[in-house]
Amino acid sequence: MTFWTTTKTAMALISIGILTTPMLRRLGYLPDADRNDPLASAPDDTERHDAGTKIAPPDLSLPPSENEFPPRH
């Protein structure tokens, strides 16, 4: 690629990033802009809360396969 083509490609990617940032913030993929520490991690779902109980993580197991059920006919 030539320098001009590389420059245009880089500028296009930067422009797309700038234009999509507000949408990604609204959808929750990026942290809010008014946050003081941009490198702070999001709180863990399994973090201990005021009551001292631990919340169980969501069930991520696979649904049962067809082989586990008897045939229908």
PDB file of N, CA and C in Angstrom:
ATOM      1  N   MET A   1       0.836  -1.184   0.000  1.00  0.00           N
ATOM      2  CA  MET A   1       0.000   0.000   0.000  1.00  0.00           C
ATOM      3  C   MET A   1       0.877   1.241   0.000  1.00  0.00           C
ATOM      4  N   THR A   2       0.390   2.244  -0.611  1.00  0.00           N
ATOM      5  CA  THR A   2       1.133   3.503  -0.615  1.00  0.00           C
ATOM      6  C   THR A   2       0.844   4.265   0.662  1.00  0.00           C
ATOM      7  N   PHE A   3       1.650   5.274   0.894  1.00  0.00           N
ATOM      8  CA  PHE A   3       1.468   6.088   2.095  1.00  0.00           C
ATOM      9  C   PHE A   3       0.088   6.746   2.102  1.00  0.00           C
ATOM     10  N   TRP A   4      -0.373   7.212   0.943  1.00  0.00           N
ATOM     11  CA  TRP A   4      -1.658   7.888   0.867  1.00  0.00           C
ATOM     12  C   TRP A   4      -2.800   6.919   1.178  1.00  0.00           C
ATOM     13  N   THR A   5      -2.733   5.714   0.661  1.00  0.00           N
ATOM     14  CA  THR A   5      -3.770   4.720   0.916  1.00  0.00           C
ATOM     15  C   THR A   5      -3.785   4.325   2.393  1.00  0.00           C
ATOM     16  N   THR A   6      -2.606   4.160   2.964  1.00  0.00           N
ATOM     17  CA  THR A   6      -2.517   3.814   4.387  1.00  0.00           C
ATOM     18  C   THR A   6      -3.091   4.933   5.249  1.00  0.00           C
ATOM     19  N   THR A   7      -2.783   6.169   4.882  1.00  0.00           N
ATOM     20  CA  THR A   7      -3.293   7.323   5.633  1.00  0.00           C
ATOM     21  C   THR A   7      -4.810   7.390   5.553  1.00  0.00           C
ATOM     22  N   LYS A   8      -5.367   7.207   4.361  1.00  0.00           N
ATOM     23  CA  LYS A   8      -6.828   7.246   4.207  1.00  0.00           C
ATOM     24  C   LYS A   8      -7.485   6.127   5.003  1.00  0.00           C
ATOM     25  N   THR A   9      -6.892   4.941   4.992  1.00  0.00           N
ATOM     26  CA  THR A   9      -7.450   3.817   5.739  1.00  0.00           C
ATOM     27  C   THR A   9      -7.427   4.094   7.233  1.00  0.00           C
ATOM     28  N   ALA A  10      -6.315   4.608   7.728  1.00  0.00           N
ATOM     29  CA  ALA A  10      -6.206   4.922   9.153  1.00  0.00           C
ATOM     30  C   ALA A  10      -7.208   5.995   9.550  1.00  0.00           C
ATOM     31  N   MET A  11      -7.357   7.014   8.756  1.00  0.00           N
ATOM     32  CA  MET A  11      -8.311   8.087   9.066  1.00  0.00           C
ATOM     33  C   MET A  11      -9.752   7.573   9.025  1.00  0.00           C
ATOM     34  N   ALA A  12     -10.048   6.673   8.125  1.00  0.00           N
ATOM     35  CA  ALA A  12     -11.395   6.101   8.061  1.00  0.00           C
ATOM     36  C   ALA A  12     -11.685   5.293   9.318  1.00  0.00           C
ATOM     37  N   LEU A  13     -10.720   4.494   9.777  1.00  0.00           N
ATOM     38  CA  LEU A  13     -10.925   3.701  10.999  1.00  0.00           C
ATOM     39  C   LEU A  13     -11.085   4.600  12.224  1.00  0.00           C
ATOM     40  N   ILE A  14     -10.312   5.653  12.293  1.00  0.00           N
ATOM     41  CA  ILE A  14     -10.446   6.592  13.413  1.00  0.00           C
ATOM     42  C   ILE A  14     -11.811   7.273  13.384  1.00  0.00           C
ATOM     43  N   SER A  15     -12.262   7.672  12.204  1.00  0.00           N
ATOM     44  CA  SER A  15     -13.570   8.315  12.084  1.00  0.00           C
ATOM     45  C   SER A  15     -14.698   7.378  12.495  1.00  0.00           C
ATOM     46  N   ILE A  16     -14.621   6.129  12.083  1.00  0.00           N
ATOM     47  CA  ILE A  16     -15.638   5.152  12.461  1.00  0.00           C
ATOM     48  C   ILE A  16     -15.642   4.968  13.972  1.00  0.00           C
ATOM     49  N   GLY A  17     -14.455   4.917  14.579  1.00  0.00           N
ATOM     50  CA  GLY A  17     -14.373   4.789  16.028  1.00  0.00           C
ATOM     51  C   GLY A  17     -14.990   5.966  16.749  1.00  0.00           C
ATOM     52  N   ILE A  18     -14.730   7.162  16.250  1.00  0.00           N
ATOM     53  CA  ILE A  18     -15.290   8.366  16.870  1.00  0.00           C
ATOM     54  C   ILE A  18     -16.810   8.390  16.728  1.00  0.00           C
ATOM     55  N   LEU A  19     -17.305   8.004  15.576  1.00  0.00           N
ATOM     56  CA  LEU A  19     -18.749   8.045  15.341  1.00  0.00           C
ATOM     57  C   LEU A  19     -19.505   6.957  16.105  1.00  0.00           C
ATOM     58  N   THR A  20     -18.896   5.815  16.336  1.00  0.00           N
ATOM     59  CA  THR A  20     -19.608   4.730  17.007  1.00  0.00           C
ATOM     60  C   THR A  20     -19.444   4.737  18.521  1.00  0.00           C
ATOM     61  N   THR A  21     -18.539   5.557  19.061  1.00  0.00           N
ATOM     62  CA  THR A  21     -18.315   5.571  20.503  1.00  0.00           C
ATOM     63  C   THR A  21     -19.580   5.893  21.300  1.00  0.00           C
ATOM     64  N   PRO A  22     -20.366   6.926  20.970  1.00  0.00           N
ATOM     65  CA  PRO A  22     -21.585   7.192  21.760  1.00  0.00           C
ATOM     66  C   PRO A  22     -22.579   6.033  21.728  1.00  0.00           C
ATOM     67  N   MET A  23     -22.710   5.389  20.583  1.00  0.00           N
ATOM     68  CA  MET A  23     -23.633   4.263  20.487  1.00  0.00           C
ATOM     69  C   MET A  23     -23.155   3.106  21.357  1.00  0.00           C
ATOM     70  N   LEU A  24     -21.859   2.819  21.332  1.00  0.00           N
ATOM     71  CA  LEU A  24     -21.321   1.735  22.145  1.00  0.00           C
ATOM     72  C   LEU A  24     -21.447   2.053  23.631  1.00  0.00           C
ATOM     73  N   ARG A  25     -21.332   3.325  24.024  1.00  0.00           N
ATOM     74  CA  ARG A  25     -21.535   3.705  25.425  1.00  0.00           C
ATOM     75  C   ARG A  25     -22.988   3.466  25.832  1.00  0.00           C
ATOM     76  N   ARG A  26     -23.927   3.848  24.961  1.00  0.00           N
ATOM     77  CA  ARG A  26     -25.341   3.658  25.271  1.00  0.00           C
ATOM     78  C   ARG A  26     -25.698   2.189  25.396  1.00  0.00           C
ATOM     79  N   LEU A  27     -25.079   1.338  24.591  1.00  0.00           N
ATOM     80  CA  LEU A  27     -25.368  -0.093  24.636  1.00  0.00           C
ATOM     81  C   LEU A  27     -24.655  -0.795  25.785  1.00  0.00           C
ATOM     82  N   GLY A  28     -23.736  -0.103  26.456  1.00  0.00           N
ATOM     83  CA  GLY A  28     -23.064  -0.674  27.606  1.00  0.00           C
ATOM     84  C   GLY A  28     -21.754  -1.368  27.297  1.00  0.00           C
ATOM     85  N   TYR A  29     -21.272  -1.266  26.071  1.00  0.00           N
ATOM     86  CA  TYR A  29     -20.010  -1.903  25.721  1.00  0.00           C
ATOM     87  C   TYR A  29     -18.802  -1.076  26.166  1.00  0.00           C
ATOM     88  N   LEU A  30     -18.996   0.228  26.387  1.00  0.00           N
ATOM     89  CA  LEU A  30     -17.929   1.108  26.856  1.00  0.00           C
ATOM     90  C   LEU A  30     -18.380   1.773  28.145  1.00  0.00           C
ATOM     91  N   PRO A  31     -17.445   2.117  29.040  1.00  0.00           N
ATOM     92  CA  PRO A  31     -17.826   2.798  30.281  1.00  0.00           C
ATOM     93  C   PRO A  31     -18.277   4.227  29.996  1.00  0.00           C
ATOM     94  N   ASP A  32     -18.974   4.819  30.958  1.00  0.00           N
ATOM     95  CA  ASP A  32     -19.437   6.194  30.813  1.00  0.00           C
ATOM     96  C   ASP A  32     -18.259   7.146  30.721  1.00  0.00           C
ATOM     97  N   ALA A  33     -18.453   8.262  30.016  1.00  0.00           N
ATOM     98  CA  ALA A  33     -17.380   9.233  29.828  1.00  0.00           C
ATOM     99  C   ALA A  33     -17.080   9.995  31.104  1.00  0.00           C
ATOM    100  N   ASP A  34     -18.040  10.139  32.020  1.00  0.00           N
ATOM    101  CA  ASP A  34     -17.824  10.918  33.234  1.00  0.00           C
ATOM    102  C   ASP A  34     -17.167  10.116  34.353  1.00  0.00           C
ATOM    103  N   ARG A  35     -16.798   8.876  34.103  1.00  0.00           N
ATOM    104  CA  ARG A  35     -16.131   8.046  35.110  1.00  0.00           C
ATOM    105  C   ARG A  35     -14.727   8.603  35.350  1.00  0.00           C
ATOM    106  N   ASN A  36     -14.313   8.667  36.622  1.00  0.00           N
ATOM    107  CA  ASN A  36     -13.014   9.247  36.963  1.00  0.00           C
ATOM    108  C   ASN A  36     -11.848   8.386  36.503  1.00  0.00           C
ATOM    109  N   ASP A  37     -11.924   7.091  36.687  1.00  0.00           N
ATOM    110  CA  ASP A  37     -10.826   6.203  36.349  1.00  0.00           C
ATOM    111  C   ASP A  37     -11.229   5.348  35.149  1.00  0.00           C
ATOM    112  N   PRO A  38     -10.746   5.671  33.944  1.00  0.00           N
ATOM    113  CA  PRO A  38     -11.177   4.896  32.775  1.00  0.00           C
ATOM    114  C   PRO A  38     -10.637   3.472  32.766  1.00  0.00           C
ATOM    115  N   LEU A  39      -9.606   3.188  33.567  1.00  0.00           N
ATOM    116  CA  LEU A  39      -9.046   1.845  33.589  1.00  0.00           C
ATOM    117  C   LEU A  39      -9.653   0.974  34.669  1.00  0.00           C
ATOM    118  N   ALA A  40     -10.590   1.511  35.429  1.00  0.00           N
ATOM    119  CA  ALA A  40     -11.217   0.723  36.504  1.00  0.00           C
ATOM    120  C   ALA A  40     -12.067  -0.376  35.877  1.00  0.00           C
ATOM    121  N   SER A  41     -11.993  -1.549  36.444  1.00  0.00           N
ATOM    122  CA  SER A  41     -12.760  -2.661  35.896  1.00  0.00           C
ATOM    123  C   SER A  41     -14.192  -2.606  36.418  1.00  0.00           C
ATOM    124  N   ALA A  42     -15.075  -3.212  35.674  1.00  0.00           N
ATOM    125  CA  ALA A  42     -16.475  -3.274  36.071  1.00  0.00           C
ATOM    126  C   ALA A  42     -16.603  -4.194  37.283  1.00  0.00           C
ATOM    127  N   PRO A  43     -17.562  -3.955  38.165  1.00  0.00           N
ATOM    128  CA  PRO A  43     -17.711  -4.832  39.325  1.00  0.00           C
ATOM    129  C   PRO A  43     -18.092  -6.241  38.903  1.00  0.00           C
ATOM    130  N   ASP A  44     -17.552  -7.195  39.599  1.00  0.00           N
ATOM    131  CA  ASP A  44     -17.813  -8.595  39.303  1.00  0.00           C
ATOM    132  C   ASP A  44     -19.208  -8.969  39.792  1.00  0.00           C
ATOM    133  N   ASP A  45     -19.932  -9.779  39.024  1.00  0.00           N
ATOM    134  CA  ASP A  45     -21.283 -10.193  39.424  1.00  0.00           C
ATOM    135  C   ASP A  45     -21.262 -11.070  40.671  1.00  0.00           C
ATOM    136  N   THR A  46     -20.164 -11.743  40.915  1.00  0.00           N
ATOM    137  CA  THR A  46     -20.095 -12.628  42.069  1.00  0.00           C
ATOM    138  C   THR A  46     -19.486 -11.922  43.283  1.00  0.00           C
ATOM    139  N   GLU A  47     -19.385 -10.609  43.228  1.00  0.00           N
ATOM    140  CA  GLU A  47     -18.808  -9.836  44.327  1.00  0.00           C
ATOM    141  C   GLU A  47     -19.724  -9.884  45.548  1.00  0.00           C
ATOM    142  N   ARG A  48     -19.139  -9.848  46.735  1.00  0.00           N
ATOM    143  CA  ARG A  48     -19.943  -9.856  47.959  1.00  0.00           C
ATOM    144  C   ARG A  48     -20.690  -8.535  48.096  1.00  0.00           C
ATOM    145  N   HIS A  49     -21.941  -8.624  48.526  1.00  0.00           N
ATOM    146  CA  HIS A  49     -22.774  -7.435  48.683  1.00  0.00           C
ATOM    147  C   HIS A  49     -22.959  -7.130  50.163  1.00  0.00           C
ATOM    148  N   ASP A  50     -23.774  -6.144  50.469  1.00  0.00           N
ATOM    149  CA  ASP A  50     -23.966  -5.681  51.850  1.00  0.00           C
ATOM    150  C   ASP A  50     -24.409  -6.802  52.780  1.00  0.00           C
ATOM    151  N   ALA A  51     -25.244  -7.707  52.310  1.00  0.00           N
ATOM    152  CA  ALA A  51     -25.769  -8.766  53.168  1.00  0.00           C
ATOM    153  C   ALA A  51     -24.713  -9.839  53.451  1.00  0.00           C
ATOM    154  N   GLY A  52     -23.589  -9.803  52.764  1.00  0.00           N
ATOM    155  CA  GLY A  52     -22.548 -10.793  52.993  1.00  0.00           C
ATOM    156  C   GLY A  52     -22.784 -12.094  52.258  1.00  0.00           C
ATOM    157  N   THR A  53     -23.785 -12.139  51.408  1.00  0.00           N
ATOM    158  CA  THR A  53     -24.059 -13.355  50.640  1.00  0.00           C
ATOM    159  C   THR A  53     -23.404 -13.239  49.277  1.00  0.00           C
ATOM    160  N   LYS A  54     -23.082 -14.351  48.730  1.00  0.00           N
ATOM    161  CA  LYS A  54     -22.458 -14.365  47.425  1.00  0.00           C
ATOM    162  C   LYS A  54     -23.491 -14.789  46.384  1.00  0.00           C
ATOM    163  N   ILE A  55     -23.586 -14.039  45.317  1.00  0.00           N
ATOM    164  CA  ILE A  55     -24.543 -14.333  44.260  1.00  0.00           C
ATOM    165  C   ILE A  55     -23.949 -15.413  43.365  1.00  0.00           C
ATOM    166  N   ALA A  56     -24.745 -16.413  43.047  1.00  0.00           N
ATOM    167  CA  ALA A  56     -24.278 -17.503  42.190  1.00  0.00           C
ATOM    168  C   ALA A  56     -24.157 -17.000  40.751  1.00  0.00           C
ATOM    169  N   PRO A  57     -23.134 -17.446  40.033  1.00  0.00           N
ATOM    170  CA  PRO A  57     -23.018 -17.046  38.632  1.00  0.00           C
ATOM    171  C   PRO A  57     -24.141 -17.683  37.812  1.00  0.00           C
ATOM    172  N   PRO A  58     -24.465 -17.102  36.664  1.00  0.00           N
ATOM    173  CA  PRO A  58     -25.542 -17.670  35.840  1.00  0.00           C
ATOM    174  C   PRO A  58     -25.172 -19.060  35.339  1.00  0.00           C
ATOM    175  N   ASP A  59     -26.196 -19.876  35.110  1.00  0.00           N
ATOM    176  CA  ASP A  59     -25.990 -21.232  34.623  1.00  0.00           C
ATOM    177  C   ASP A  59     -25.619 -21.173  33.142  1.00  0.00           C
ATOM    178  N   LEU A  60     -24.423 -21.622  32.806  1.00  0.00           N
ATOM    179  CA  LEU A  60     -23.949 -21.573  31.425  1.00  0.00           C
ATOM    180  C   LEU A  60     -23.831 -22.957  30.811  1.00  0.00           C
ATOM    181  N   SER A  61     -24.536 -23.931  31.382  1.00  0.00           N
ATOM    182  CA  SER A  61     -24.442 -25.286  30.859  1.00  0.00           C
ATOM    183  C   SER A  61     -25.221 -25.399  29.546  1.00  0.00           C
ATOM    184  N   LEU A  62     -24.857 -26.401  28.779  1.00  0.00           N
ATOM    185  CA  LEU A  62     -25.516 -26.637  27.501  1.00  0.00           C
ATOM    186  C   LEU A  62     -26.842 -27.350  27.716  1.00  0.00           C
ATOM    187  N   PRO A  63     -27.807 -27.133  26.828  1.00  0.00           N
ATOM    188  CA  PRO A  63     -29.062 -27.873  26.949  1.00  0.00           C
ATOM    189  C   PRO A  63     -28.805 -29.359  26.689  1.00  0.00           C
ATOM    190  N   PRO A  64     -29.688 -30.216  27.170  1.00  0.00           N
ATOM    191  CA  PRO A  64     -29.475 -31.656  26.962  1.00  0.00           C
ATOM    192  C   PRO A  64     -29.510 -31.996  25.475  1.00  0.00           C
ATOM    193  N   SER A  65     -28.705 -32.955  25.089  1.00  0.00           N
ATOM    194  CA  SER A  65     -28.686 -33.361  23.682  1.00  0.00           C
ATOM    195  C   SER A  65     -29.853 -34.303  23.408  1.00  0.00           C
ATOM    196  N   GLU A  66     -30.091 -34.562  22.136  1.00  0.00           N
ATOM    197  CA  GLU A  66     -31.214 -35.413  21.741  1.00  0.00           C
ATOM    198  C   GLU A  66     -31.021 -36.852  22.203  1.00  0.00           C
ATOM    199  N   ASN A  67     -29.798 -37.268  22.421  1.00  0.00           N
ATOM    200  CA  ASN A  67     -29.526 -38.655  22.803  1.00  0.00           C
ATOM    201  C   ASN A  67     -29.992 -38.963  24.222  1.00  0.00           C
ATOM    202  N   GLU A  68     -30.249 -37.978  25.040  1.00  0.00           N
ATOM    203  CA  GLU A  68     -30.646 -38.213  26.422  1.00  0.00           C
ATOM    204  C   GLU A  68     -32.145 -38.494  26.569  1.00  0.00           C
ATOM    205  N   PHE A  69     -32.926 -38.296  25.526  1.00  0.00           N
ATOM    206  CA  PHE A  69     -34.363 -38.506  25.585  1.00  0.00           C
ATOM    207  C   PHE A  69     -34.744 -39.764  24.809  1.00  0.00           C
ATOM    208  N   PRO A  70     -35.771 -40.483  25.274  1.00  0.00           N
ATOM    209  CA  PRO A  70     -36.216 -41.668  24.508  1.00  0.00           C
ATOM    210  C   PRO A  70     -36.854 -41.238  23.187  1.00  0.00           C
ATOM    211  N   PRO A  71     -36.856 -42.123  22.214  1.00  0.00           N
ATOM    212  CA  PRO A  71     -37.477 -41.775  20.918  1.00  0.00           C
ATOM    213  C   PRO A  71     -38.982 -41.541  21.093  1.00  0.00           C
ATOM    214  N   ARG A  72     -39.561 -40.710  20.232  1.00  0.00           N
ATOM    215  CA  ARG A  72     -40.969 -40.358  20.327  1.00  0.00           C
ATOM    216  C   ARG A  72     -41.885 -41.337  19.612  1.00  0.00           C
ATOM    217  N   HIS A  73     -41.375 -42.203  18.813  1.00  0.00           N
ATOM    218  CA  HIS A  73     -42.256 -43.104  18.053  1.00  0.00           C
ATOM    219  C   HIS A  73     -42.303 -44.476  18.621  1.00  0.00           C
TER     220      HIS A  73
END
